[in-house]
Amino acid sequence: MPAWARKSTVVLLIAVLALAVFGTTTQTWLSVSLDPAQAGAGGDVLDVQGSKAATAVTGLALVALAGGLAASIAGRIARWVITVIIVLAAAGIVAAAATVLADPLAAAQGSIAAATGVSGGQAQVEATAFPFLAVACGILLALAGLLVVPAGRHWKARTKYDVAGRGTAAATAGPVDEIDSWDRLSRGDDPT
């Protein structure tokens, strides 16, 4: 099996990228220089975290993380579904972070209004490096999500039901334990 296709490598890559995106939301995305008339509310510079500037990014990062962990135990068809979920979550991360970068003042309005009590005010807003980092990690997360399908072909079967042709061998052998007896009953064989 190639090193890039190992289950642990793919799952760890998705988890690290999702946690990196989540980590960016805990940092300052926008630095707001308030109007001097509004600055009396608590200073002239307001830092806006990513979780407040783009609230969807935090949730989408957790969805991608859960998808990556689920891919480690999923079957072939479920891995396709999980891949779609991870790629859509990554696309949402990129779109939300790009929206903040496209109009930082609109993204900071809620925090400005909470700090000053005035909504719709003007301020000088500068984006930090963290929204750019979220976009980059989101793109890499989408690529890592797409890696699940080709890498999954190299992963060993996780249960006896995933192995082709094993059902007939289990039906002819005697039951090993109670679970095998129940499985034979499910197939229509009476183990007694």
N, C-alpha and C. Protein backbone atom coordinates (compact mmCIF):
# COMPACT_ATOMS: atom_id res chain seq x y z
N MET A 1 0.84 -1.18 0.00
CA MET A 1 0.00 0.00 0.00
C MET A 1 0.89 1.25 0.00
N PRO A 2 0.60 2.21 -0.87
CA PRO A 2 1.39 3.44 -0.87
C PRO A 2 1.19 4.23 0.44
N ALA A 3 2.19 4.99 0.81
CA ALA A 3 2.14 5.74 2.08
C ALA A 3 0.99 6.74 2.10
N TRP A 4 0.69 7.37 0.95
CA TRP A 4 -0.38 8.38 0.91
C TRP A 4 -1.75 7.75 1.10
N ALA A 5 -1.88 6.45 0.87
CA ALA A 5 -3.19 5.79 0.92
C ALA A 5 -3.47 5.14 2.27
N ARG A 6 -2.56 5.21 3.21
CA ARG A 6 -2.81 4.60 4.52
C ARG A 6 -3.98 5.30 5.20
N LYS A 7 -4.80 4.50 5.84
CA LYS A 7 -5.98 5.05 6.53
C LYS A 7 -5.57 6.08 7.57
N SER A 8 -4.55 5.76 8.34
CA SER A 8 -4.11 6.68 9.40
C SER A 8 -3.60 7.99 8.81
N THR A 9 -2.92 7.94 7.68
CA THR A 9 -2.40 9.15 7.06
C THR A 9 -3.52 10.05 6.58
N VAL A 10 -4.49 9.48 5.90
CA VAL A 10 -5.60 10.27 5.34
C VAL A 10 -6.45 10.86 6.46
N VAL A 11 -6.79 10.05 7.44
CA VAL A 11 -7.63 10.53 8.55
C VAL A 11 -6.90 11.60 9.35
N LEU A 12 -5.61 11.38 9.61
CA LEU A 12 -4.84 12.37 10.35
C LEU A 12 -4.71 13.68 9.58
N LEU A 13 -4.53 13.60 8.27
CA LEU A 13 -4.44 14.81 7.45
C LEU A 13 -5.73 15.61 7.51
N ILE A 14 -6.87 14.93 7.39
CA ILE A 14 -8.16 15.62 7.47
C ILE A 14 -8.36 16.23 8.85
N ALA A 15 -8.01 15.48 9.88
CA ALA A 15 -8.19 15.97 11.25
C ALA A 15 -7.30 17.20 11.51
N VAL A 16 -6.06 17.15 11.07
CA VAL A 16 -5.15 18.28 11.30
C VAL A 16 -5.63 19.53 10.56
N LEU A 17 -6.07 19.36 9.31
CA LEU A 17 -6.54 20.52 8.55
C LEU A 17 -7.83 21.09 9.13
N ALA A 18 -8.74 20.21 9.56
CA ALA A 18 -9.99 20.70 10.18
C ALA A 18 -9.69 21.42 11.49
N LEU A 19 -8.78 20.88 12.28
CA LEU A 19 -8.41 21.55 13.54
C LEU A 19 -7.67 22.85 13.28
N ALA A 20 -6.90 22.91 12.19
CA ALA A 20 -6.23 24.16 11.84
C ALA A 20 -7.24 25.24 11.48
N VAL A 21 -8.27 24.86 10.72
CA VAL A 21 -9.33 25.82 10.40
C VAL A 21 -10.03 26.26 11.68
N PHE A 22 -10.35 25.29 12.53
CA PHE A 22 -11.00 25.63 13.81
C PHE A 22 -10.11 26.56 14.63
N GLY A 23 -8.81 26.29 14.63
CA GLY A 23 -7.88 27.14 15.38
C GLY A 23 -7.82 28.56 14.87
N THR A 24 -7.97 28.75 13.57
CA THR A 24 -7.95 30.12 13.04
C THR A 24 -9.12 30.93 13.55
N THR A 25 -10.25 30.28 13.82
CA THR A 25 -11.42 31.04 14.27
C THR A 25 -11.28 31.54 15.70
N THR A 26 -10.33 31.01 16.44
CA THR A 26 -10.10 31.50 17.80
C THR A 26 -9.18 32.71 17.82
N GLN A 27 -8.62 33.05 16.67
CA GLN A 27 -7.68 34.17 16.57
C GLN A 27 -8.38 35.41 15.99
N THR A 28 -7.67 36.52 16.05
CA THR A 28 -8.20 37.79 15.53
C THR A 28 -8.16 37.78 14.01
N TRP A 29 -9.31 37.93 13.39
CA TRP A 29 -9.40 38.00 11.93
C TRP A 29 -9.41 39.44 11.45
N LEU A 30 -10.03 40.32 12.23
CA LEU A 30 -10.19 41.71 11.81
C LEU A 30 -9.75 42.65 12.92
N SER A 31 -9.02 43.68 12.54
CA SER A 31 -8.63 44.75 13.46
C SER A 31 -9.40 45.99 13.05
N VAL A 32 -10.22 46.49 13.95
CA VAL A 32 -11.11 47.61 13.64
C VAL A 32 -10.63 48.85 14.38
N SER A 33 -10.38 49.91 13.61
CA SER A 33 -10.06 51.22 14.21
C SER A 33 -11.36 52.01 14.24
N LEU A 34 -11.87 52.23 15.44
CA LEU A 34 -13.16 52.90 15.59
C LEU A 34 -13.04 54.39 15.39
N ASP A 35 -14.18 55.02 15.08
CA ASP A 35 -14.27 56.48 15.01
C ASP A 35 -13.92 57.05 16.38
N PRO A 36 -13.25 58.18 16.44
CA PRO A 36 -12.97 58.77 17.76
C PRO A 36 -14.24 59.06 18.56
N ALA A 37 -15.35 59.35 17.89
CA ALA A 37 -16.60 59.61 18.60
C ALA A 37 -17.15 58.33 19.24
N GLN A 38 -16.84 57.17 18.64
CA GLN A 38 -17.32 55.90 19.17
C GLN A 38 -16.30 55.24 20.09
N ALA A 39 -15.07 55.72 20.08
CA ALA A 39 -13.98 55.06 20.80
C ALA A 39 -14.16 55.10 22.30
N GLY A 40 -14.97 56.02 22.80
CA GLY A 40 -15.18 56.11 24.24
C GLY A 40 -15.81 54.87 24.83
N ALA A 41 -16.30 53.98 24.00
CA ALA A 41 -16.96 52.77 24.49
C ALA A 41 -15.97 51.73 24.98
N GLY A 42 -14.72 51.93 24.84
CA GLY A 42 -13.78 50.94 25.35
C GLY A 42 -12.48 50.88 24.58
N GLY A 43 -12.06 51.94 23.98
CA GLY A 43 -10.79 51.94 23.27
C GLY A 43 -11.00 52.25 21.80
N ASP A 44 -9.90 52.51 21.12
CA ASP A 44 -10.02 52.90 19.73
C ASP A 44 -9.76 51.75 18.77
N VAL A 45 -9.27 50.59 19.26
CA VAL A 45 -9.03 49.43 18.41
C VAL A 45 -9.83 48.25 18.95
N LEU A 46 -10.55 47.60 18.05
CA LEU A 46 -11.38 46.45 18.41
C LEU A 46 -10.91 45.25 17.61
N ASP A 47 -10.62 44.16 18.29
CA ASP A 47 -10.22 42.92 17.62
C ASP A 47 -11.43 42.00 17.49
N VAL A 48 -11.66 41.50 16.28
CA VAL A 48 -12.80 40.63 16.01
C VAL A 48 -12.26 39.23 15.69
N GLN A 49 -12.68 38.27 16.51
CA GLN A 49 -12.26 36.88 16.29
C GLN A 49 -12.96 36.30 15.07
N GLY A 50 -12.35 35.24 14.53
CA GLY A 50 -12.93 34.57 13.37
C GLY A 50 -14.28 33.96 13.67
N SER A 51 -14.47 33.50 14.91
CA SER A 51 -15.75 32.88 15.27
C SER A 51 -16.89 33.90 15.25
N LYS A 52 -16.56 35.20 15.36
CA LYS A 52 -17.58 36.24 15.30
C LYS A 52 -17.68 36.84 13.90
N ALA A 53 -16.58 36.87 13.19
CA ALA A 53 -16.60 37.43 11.84
C ALA A 53 -17.24 36.48 10.85
N ALA A 54 -16.98 35.19 11.01
CA ALA A 54 -17.55 34.17 10.12
C ALA A 54 -17.98 32.99 10.99
N THR A 55 -19.19 33.07 11.51
CA THR A 55 -19.66 32.07 12.48
C THR A 55 -19.77 30.67 11.89
N ALA A 56 -20.00 30.56 10.61
CA ALA A 56 -20.18 29.24 9.99
C ALA A 56 -18.89 28.44 9.93
N VAL A 57 -17.76 29.10 9.93
CA VAL A 57 -16.48 28.41 9.75
C VAL A 57 -16.23 27.42 10.89
N THR A 58 -16.55 27.80 12.10
CA THR A 58 -16.33 26.92 13.25
C THR A 58 -17.13 25.64 13.11
N GLY A 59 -18.40 25.75 12.81
CA GLY A 59 -19.25 24.58 12.66
C GLY A 59 -18.84 23.69 11.49
N LEU A 60 -18.47 24.31 10.38
CA LEU A 60 -18.06 23.54 9.21
C LEU A 60 -16.74 22.80 9.46
N ALA A 61 -15.86 23.40 10.23
CA ALA A 61 -14.61 22.72 10.58
C ALA A 61 -14.89 21.48 11.42
N LEU A 62 -15.85 21.58 12.33
CA LEU A 62 -16.21 20.42 13.15
C LEU A 62 -16.89 19.34 12.31
N VAL A 63 -17.68 19.74 11.33
CA VAL A 63 -18.30 18.77 10.42
C VAL A 63 -17.23 18.01 9.64
N ALA A 64 -16.24 18.73 9.13
CA ALA A 64 -15.16 18.09 8.38
C ALA A 64 -14.36 17.16 9.27
N LEU A 65 -14.12 17.56 10.52
CA LEU A 65 -13.39 16.71 11.46
C LEU A 65 -14.16 15.42 11.73
N ALA A 66 -15.45 15.54 11.97
CA ALA A 66 -16.28 14.35 12.20
C ALA A 66 -16.32 13.46 10.96
N GLY A 67 -16.37 14.07 9.79
CA GLY A 67 -16.36 13.29 8.55
C GLY A 67 -15.08 12.52 8.37
N GLY A 68 -13.96 13.15 8.69
CA GLY A 68 -12.68 12.46 8.58
C GLY A 68 -12.58 11.28 9.52
N LEU A 69 -13.07 11.46 10.73
CA LEU A 69 -13.06 10.35 11.69
C LEU A 69 -14.02 9.24 11.27
N ALA A 70 -15.15 9.63 10.71
CA ALA A 70 -16.13 8.63 10.26
C ALA A 70 -15.61 7.83 9.07
N ALA A 71 -14.78 8.45 8.25
CA ALA A 71 -14.23 7.76 7.08
C ALA A 71 -13.39 6.56 7.50
N SER A 72 -12.83 6.62 8.70
CA SER A 72 -11.97 5.52 9.14
C SER A 72 -12.74 4.24 9.44
N ILE A 73 -14.03 4.35 9.68
CA ILE A 73 -14.83 3.16 10.00
C ILE A 73 -15.90 2.88 8.96
N ALA A 74 -15.98 3.70 7.93
CA ALA A 74 -17.06 3.58 6.96
C ALA A 74 -16.73 2.55 5.88
N GLY A 75 -17.78 2.03 5.28
CA GLY A 75 -17.64 1.13 4.14
C GLY A 75 -17.43 1.91 2.86
N ARG A 76 -17.38 1.17 1.74
CA ARG A 76 -17.09 1.81 0.46
C ARG A 76 -18.09 2.88 0.07
N ILE A 77 -19.36 2.59 0.15
CA ILE A 77 -20.39 3.55 -0.28
C ILE A 77 -20.45 4.72 0.69
N ALA A 78 -20.33 4.45 1.97
CA ALA A 78 -20.37 5.53 2.96
C ALA A 78 -19.18 6.47 2.80
N ARG A 79 -18.05 5.95 2.34
CA ARG A 79 -16.88 6.82 2.12
C ARG A 79 -17.16 7.84 1.02
N TRP A 80 -17.94 7.46 0.00
CA TRP A 80 -18.32 8.42 -1.04
C TRP A 80 -19.16 9.55 -0.44
N VAL A 81 -20.11 9.18 0.40
CA VAL A 81 -20.98 10.18 1.04
C VAL A 81 -20.15 11.08 1.95
N ILE A 82 -19.25 10.49 2.70
CA ILE A 82 -18.41 11.26 3.60
C ILE A 82 -17.50 12.21 2.82
N THR A 83 -17.00 11.75 1.69
CA THR A 83 -16.17 12.61 0.84
C THR A 83 -16.95 13.84 0.40
N VAL A 84 -18.18 13.64 -0.03
CA VAL A 84 -19.02 14.76 -0.45
C VAL A 84 -19.24 15.73 0.71
N ILE A 85 -19.49 15.19 1.90
CA ILE A 85 -19.72 16.05 3.07
C ILE A 85 -18.47 16.86 3.40
N ILE A 86 -17.31 16.23 3.38
CA ILE A 86 -16.07 16.94 3.70
C ILE A 86 -15.79 18.03 2.66
N VAL A 87 -15.98 17.71 1.38
CA VAL A 87 -15.72 18.69 0.33
C VAL A 87 -16.70 19.86 0.42
N LEU A 88 -17.97 19.58 0.71
CA LEU A 88 -18.95 20.67 0.87
C LEU A 88 -18.63 21.52 2.09
N ALA A 89 -18.21 20.90 3.18
CA ALA A 89 -17.83 21.66 4.37
C ALA A 89 -16.62 22.55 4.07
N ALA A 90 -15.65 22.00 3.35
CA ALA A 90 -14.47 22.78 2.99
C ALA A 90 -14.84 23.93 2.06
N ALA A 91 -15.75 23.70 1.13
CA ALA A 91 -16.20 24.77 0.24
C ALA A 91 -16.91 25.86 1.04
N GLY A 92 -17.69 25.47 2.02
CA GLY A 92 -18.35 26.44 2.89
C GLY A 92 -17.35 27.26 3.70
N ILE A 93 -16.29 26.61 4.16
CA ILE A 93 -15.24 27.32 4.90
C ILE A 93 -14.58 28.37 4.00
N VAL A 94 -14.23 27.96 2.80
CA VAL A 94 -13.59 28.89 1.86
C VAL A 94 -14.52 30.04 1.53
N ALA A 95 -15.79 29.73 1.27
CA ALA A 95 -16.75 30.79 0.91
C ALA A 95 -16.96 31.77 2.06
N ALA A 96 -17.09 31.26 3.30
CA ALA A 96 -17.31 32.14 4.44
C ALA A 96 -16.10 33.02 4.70
N ALA A 97 -14.91 32.44 4.64
CA ALA A 97 -13.70 33.23 4.87
C ALA A 97 -13.48 34.23 3.73
N ALA A 98 -13.79 33.84 2.50
CA ALA A 98 -13.64 34.76 1.37
C ALA A 98 -14.63 35.91 1.47
N THR A 99 -15.81 35.65 2.02
CA THR A 99 -16.80 36.72 2.22
C THR A 99 -16.28 37.75 3.22
N VAL A 100 -15.63 37.27 4.27
CA VAL A 100 -15.04 38.19 5.24
C VAL A 100 -13.95 39.02 4.58
N LEU A 101 -13.13 38.39 3.76
CA LEU A 101 -12.05 39.11 3.09
C LEU A 101 -12.58 40.10 2.05
N ALA A 102 -13.70 39.76 1.42
CA ALA A 102 -14.27 40.63 0.40
C ALA A 102 -14.89 41.89 1.01
N ASP A 103 -15.52 41.77 2.16
CA ASP A 103 -16.14 42.92 2.82
C ASP A 103 -15.90 42.84 4.33
N PRO A 104 -14.71 43.23 4.77
CA PRO A 104 -14.40 43.11 6.20
C PRO A 104 -15.26 44.00 7.10
N LEU A 105 -15.68 45.16 6.58
CA LEU A 105 -16.51 46.05 7.40
C LEU A 105 -17.85 45.41 7.71
N ALA A 106 -18.46 44.78 6.72
CA ALA A 106 -19.75 44.11 6.96
C ALA A 106 -19.59 42.96 7.95
N ALA A 107 -18.47 42.24 7.88
CA ALA A 107 -18.23 41.13 8.80
C ALA A 107 -18.00 41.63 10.23
N ALA A 108 -17.50 42.84 10.36
CA ALA A 108 -17.20 43.38 11.70
C ALA A 108 -18.36 44.17 12.28
N GLN A 109 -19.42 44.42 11.53
CA GLN A 109 -20.51 45.28 12.01
C GLN A 109 -21.14 44.79 13.31
N GLY A 110 -21.34 43.48 13.43
CA GLY A 110 -21.94 42.96 14.66
C GLY A 110 -21.08 43.23 15.88
N SER A 111 -19.79 43.05 15.77
CA SER A 111 -18.87 43.31 16.88
C SER A 111 -18.76 44.79 17.17
N ILE A 112 -18.79 45.62 16.12
CA ILE A 112 -18.74 47.07 16.31
C ILE A 112 -19.98 47.53 17.06
N ALA A 113 -21.13 47.01 16.65
CA ALA A 113 -22.39 47.40 17.31
C ALA A 113 -22.41 46.93 18.76
N ALA A 114 -21.89 45.74 19.03
CA ALA A 114 -21.86 45.24 20.41
C ALA A 114 -20.92 46.07 21.28
N ALA A 115 -19.81 46.54 20.72
CA ALA A 115 -18.84 47.30 21.51
C ALA A 115 -19.24 48.75 21.71
N THR A 116 -19.90 49.35 20.71
CA THR A 116 -20.20 50.78 20.78
C THR A 116 -21.66 51.09 21.04
N GLY A 117 -22.53 50.14 20.76
CA GLY A 117 -23.95 50.39 20.90
C GLY A 117 -24.54 51.09 19.70
N VAL A 118 -23.75 51.30 18.66
CA VAL A 118 -24.20 51.98 17.46
C VAL A 118 -24.02 51.02 16.28
N SER A 119 -25.08 50.81 15.54
CA SER A 119 -24.95 49.93 14.37
C SER A 119 -24.87 50.78 13.12
N GLY A 120 -24.17 50.24 12.14
CA GLY A 120 -24.05 50.93 10.86
C GLY A 120 -23.01 52.02 10.83
N GLY A 121 -22.17 52.08 11.84
CA GLY A 121 -21.13 53.11 11.86
C GLY A 121 -19.99 52.78 10.92
N GLN A 122 -19.18 53.79 10.64
CA GLN A 122 -18.03 53.63 9.77
C GLN A 122 -16.79 53.39 10.62
N ALA A 123 -15.90 52.57 10.10
CA ALA A 123 -14.66 52.28 10.80
C ALA A 123 -13.64 51.79 9.78
N GLN A 124 -12.40 51.88 10.16
CA GLN A 124 -11.31 51.36 9.33
C GLN A 124 -11.06 49.92 9.76
N VAL A 125 -11.21 48.95 8.83
CA VAL A 125 -11.08 47.53 9.16
C VAL A 125 -9.95 46.93 8.34
N GLU A 126 -9.07 46.21 9.02
CA GLU A 126 -7.98 45.51 8.34
C GLU A 126 -8.05 44.04 8.69
N ALA A 127 -7.88 43.21 7.68
CA ALA A 127 -7.89 41.76 7.89
C ALA A 127 -6.49 41.30 8.28
N THR A 128 -6.42 40.35 9.20
CA THR A 128 -5.14 39.76 9.58
C THR A 128 -4.85 38.59 8.64
N ALA A 129 -3.85 37.82 8.96
CA ALA A 129 -3.48 36.68 8.11
C ALA A 129 -4.38 35.46 8.32
N PHE A 130 -5.14 35.43 9.41
CA PHE A 130 -5.91 34.23 9.74
C PHE A 130 -7.05 33.91 8.78
N PRO A 131 -7.78 34.89 8.22
CA PRO A 131 -8.78 34.51 7.21
C PRO A 131 -8.14 33.92 5.96
N PHE A 132 -6.96 34.43 5.59
CA PHE A 132 -6.24 33.86 4.45
C PHE A 132 -5.80 32.43 4.76
N LEU A 133 -5.36 32.20 5.99
CA LEU A 133 -4.96 30.86 6.42
C LEU A 133 -6.17 29.92 6.41
N ALA A 134 -7.34 30.42 6.80
CA ALA A 134 -8.56 29.59 6.78
C ALA A 134 -8.92 29.21 5.35
N VAL A 135 -8.75 30.13 4.41
CA VAL A 135 -9.02 29.83 3.00
C VAL A 135 -8.05 28.75 2.50
N ALA A 136 -6.78 28.91 2.81
CA ALA A 136 -5.77 27.94 2.36
C ALA A 136 -6.03 26.57 2.97
N CYS A 137 -6.32 26.52 4.27
CA CYS A 137 -6.61 25.24 4.93
C CYS A 137 -7.90 24.63 4.40
N GLY A 138 -8.88 25.47 4.06
CA GLY A 138 -10.12 24.97 3.49
C GLY A 138 -9.91 24.31 2.14
N ILE A 139 -9.06 24.91 1.32
CA ILE A 139 -8.75 24.32 0.00
C ILE A 139 -8.02 22.99 0.19
N LEU A 140 -7.04 22.97 1.08
CA LEU A 140 -6.31 21.73 1.35
C LEU A 140 -7.22 20.66 1.95
N LEU A 141 -8.19 21.09 2.76
CA LEU A 141 -9.14 20.16 3.36
C LEU A 141 -10.01 19.51 2.29
N ALA A 142 -10.43 20.29 1.30
CA ALA A 142 -11.21 19.73 0.19
C ALA A 142 -10.40 18.70 -0.58
N LEU A 143 -9.13 19.00 -0.82
CA LEU A 143 -8.27 18.04 -1.52
C LEU A 143 -8.06 16.78 -0.69
N ALA A 144 -7.89 16.94 0.62
CA ALA A 144 -7.72 15.78 1.49
C ALA A 144 -9.01 14.95 1.53
N GLY A 145 -10.16 15.62 1.49
CA GLY A 145 -11.43 14.90 1.45
C GLY A 145 -11.57 14.09 0.18
N LEU A 146 -11.11 14.66 -0.94
CA LEU A 146 -11.15 13.92 -2.20
C LEU A 146 -10.20 12.73 -2.20
N LEU A 147 -9.23 12.75 -1.33
CA LEU A 147 -8.26 11.66 -1.24
C LEU A 147 -8.85 10.41 -0.60
N VAL A 148 -9.97 10.56 0.10
CA VAL A 148 -10.57 9.42 0.81
C VAL A 148 -10.98 8.31 -0.15
N VAL A 149 -11.56 8.66 -1.28
CA VAL A 149 -12.07 7.64 -2.20
C VAL A 149 -10.96 6.80 -2.82
N PRO A 150 -9.93 7.40 -3.45
CA PRO A 150 -8.90 6.53 -4.02
C PRO A 150 -8.07 5.82 -2.95
N ALA A 151 -7.87 6.45 -1.82
CA ALA A 151 -7.11 5.80 -0.75
C ALA A 151 -7.91 4.66 -0.14
N GLY A 152 -9.24 4.82 -0.08
CA GLY A 152 -10.09 3.80 0.52
C GLY A 152 -10.05 2.47 -0.22
N ARG A 153 -9.67 2.49 -1.47
CA ARG A 153 -9.55 1.24 -2.23
C ARG A 153 -8.43 0.35 -1.68
N HIS A 154 -7.47 0.94 -1.02
CA HIS A 154 -6.34 0.18 -0.47
C HIS A 154 -6.58 -0.27 0.96
N TRP A 155 -7.64 0.24 1.59
CA TRP A 155 -7.89 -0.09 2.99
C TRP A 155 -8.45 -1.49 3.10
N LYS A 156 -8.04 -2.18 4.12
CA LYS A 156 -8.53 -3.54 4.34
C LYS A 156 -9.99 -3.49 4.76
N ALA A 157 -10.68 -4.60 4.50
CA ALA A 157 -12.09 -4.68 4.88
C ALA A 157 -12.19 -4.61 6.39
N ARG A 158 -13.19 -3.91 6.88
CA ARG A 158 -13.30 -3.69 8.31
C ARG A 158 -14.13 -4.75 9.01
N THR A 159 -15.01 -5.46 8.29
CA THR A 159 -15.82 -6.51 8.90
C THR A 159 -15.87 -7.70 7.97
N LYS A 160 -16.39 -8.79 8.49
CA LYS A 160 -16.50 -9.98 7.65
C LYS A 160 -17.51 -9.80 6.53
N TYR A 161 -18.41 -8.81 6.66
CA TYR A 161 -19.40 -8.58 5.62
C TYR A 161 -18.82 -7.86 4.42
N ASP A 162 -17.67 -7.18 4.59
CA ASP A 162 -17.04 -6.47 3.50
C ASP A 162 -16.19 -7.38 2.63
N VAL A 163 -15.87 -8.57 3.10
CA VAL A 163 -15.02 -9.48 2.35
C VAL A 163 -15.89 -10.31 1.41
N ALA A 164 -15.57 -10.29 0.12
CA ALA A 164 -16.37 -11.01 -0.87
C ALA A 164 -16.17 -12.51 -0.71
N GLY A 165 -17.25 -13.26 -0.82
CA GLY A 165 -17.18 -14.72 -0.82
C GLY A 165 -17.03 -15.35 0.55
N ARG A 166 -16.99 -14.56 1.59
CA ARG A 166 -16.79 -15.16 2.90
C ARG A 166 -18.10 -15.67 3.50
N GLY A 167 -19.23 -15.16 3.02
CA GLY A 167 -20.52 -15.57 3.57
C GLY A 167 -20.77 -17.06 3.39
N THR A 168 -20.35 -17.65 2.29
CA THR A 168 -20.58 -19.08 2.08
C THR A 168 -19.70 -19.92 2.99
N ALA A 169 -18.48 -19.46 3.27
CA ALA A 169 -17.60 -20.21 4.17
C ALA A 169 -18.15 -20.17 5.59
N ALA A 170 -18.73 -19.06 5.99
CA ALA A 170 -19.28 -18.96 7.34
C ALA A 170 -20.53 -19.82 7.48
N ALA A 171 -21.28 -20.00 6.39
CA ALA A 171 -22.51 -20.78 6.47
C ALA A 171 -22.20 -22.27 6.60
N THR A 172 -21.09 -22.75 6.04
CA THR A 172 -20.78 -24.17 6.10
C THR A 172 -20.04 -24.54 7.38
N ALA A 173 -19.32 -23.63 7.98
CA ALA A 173 -18.59 -23.94 9.21
C ALA A 173 -19.55 -23.89 10.40
N GLY A 174 -19.19 -24.57 11.45
CA GLY A 174 -20.01 -24.55 12.66
C GLY A 174 -19.90 -23.20 13.34
N PRO A 175 -20.90 -22.85 14.16
CA PRO A 175 -20.88 -21.55 14.82
C PRO A 175 -19.73 -21.46 15.82
N VAL A 176 -19.08 -20.30 15.80
CA VAL A 176 -17.97 -20.05 16.72
C VAL A 176 -18.51 -19.50 18.03
N ASP A 177 -19.46 -18.62 17.95
CA ASP A 177 -20.06 -18.04 19.16
C ASP A 177 -21.51 -17.68 18.88
N GLU A 178 -22.15 -17.01 19.84
CA GLU A 178 -23.57 -16.66 19.72
C GLU A 178 -23.82 -15.69 18.58
N ILE A 179 -22.88 -14.80 18.34
CA ILE A 179 -23.06 -13.80 17.28
C ILE A 179 -23.10 -14.49 15.92
N ASP A 180 -22.21 -15.46 15.72
CA ASP A 180 -22.24 -16.19 14.45
C ASP A 180 -23.54 -16.95 14.28
N SER A 181 -24.09 -17.47 15.38
CA SER A 181 -25.37 -18.17 15.31
C SER A 181 -26.48 -17.21 14.87
N TRP A 182 -26.48 -16.02 15.42
CA TRP A 182 -27.48 -15.03 15.03
C TRP A 182 -27.30 -14.63 13.57
N ASP A 183 -26.05 -14.50 13.14
CA ASP A 183 -25.80 -14.16 11.74
C ASP A 183 -26.33 -15.24 10.80
N ARG A 184 -26.16 -16.48 11.19
CA ARG A 184 -26.69 -17.58 10.37
C ARG A 184 -28.21 -17.54 10.35
N LEU A 185 -28.82 -17.21 11.46
CA LEU A 185 -30.28 -17.06 11.49
C LEU A 185 -30.74 -15.95 10.55
N SER A 186 -29.97 -14.86 10.52
CA SER A 186 -30.30 -13.75 9.63
C SER A 186 -30.26 -14.16 8.17
N ARG A 187 -29.36 -15.09 7.82
CA ARG A 187 -29.26 -15.57 6.45
C ARG A 187 -30.30 -16.63 6.14
N GLY A 188 -31.01 -17.10 7.15
CA GLY A 188 -32.05 -18.11 6.93
C GLY A 188 -31.61 -19.51 7.31
N ASP A 189 -30.41 -19.69 7.83
CA ASP A 189 -29.94 -21.00 8.26
C ASP A 189 -30.30 -21.23 9.73
N ASP A 190 -30.70 -22.43 10.05
CA ASP A 190 -31.00 -22.78 11.43
C ASP A 190 -29.78 -23.47 12.02
N PRO A 191 -29.07 -22.83 12.97
CA PRO A 191 -27.84 -23.41 13.49
C PRO A 191 -28.08 -24.56 14.49
N THR A 192 -29.31 -24.87 14.81
CA THR A 192 -29.53 -25.94 15.79
C THR A 192 -29.47 -27.22 15.11
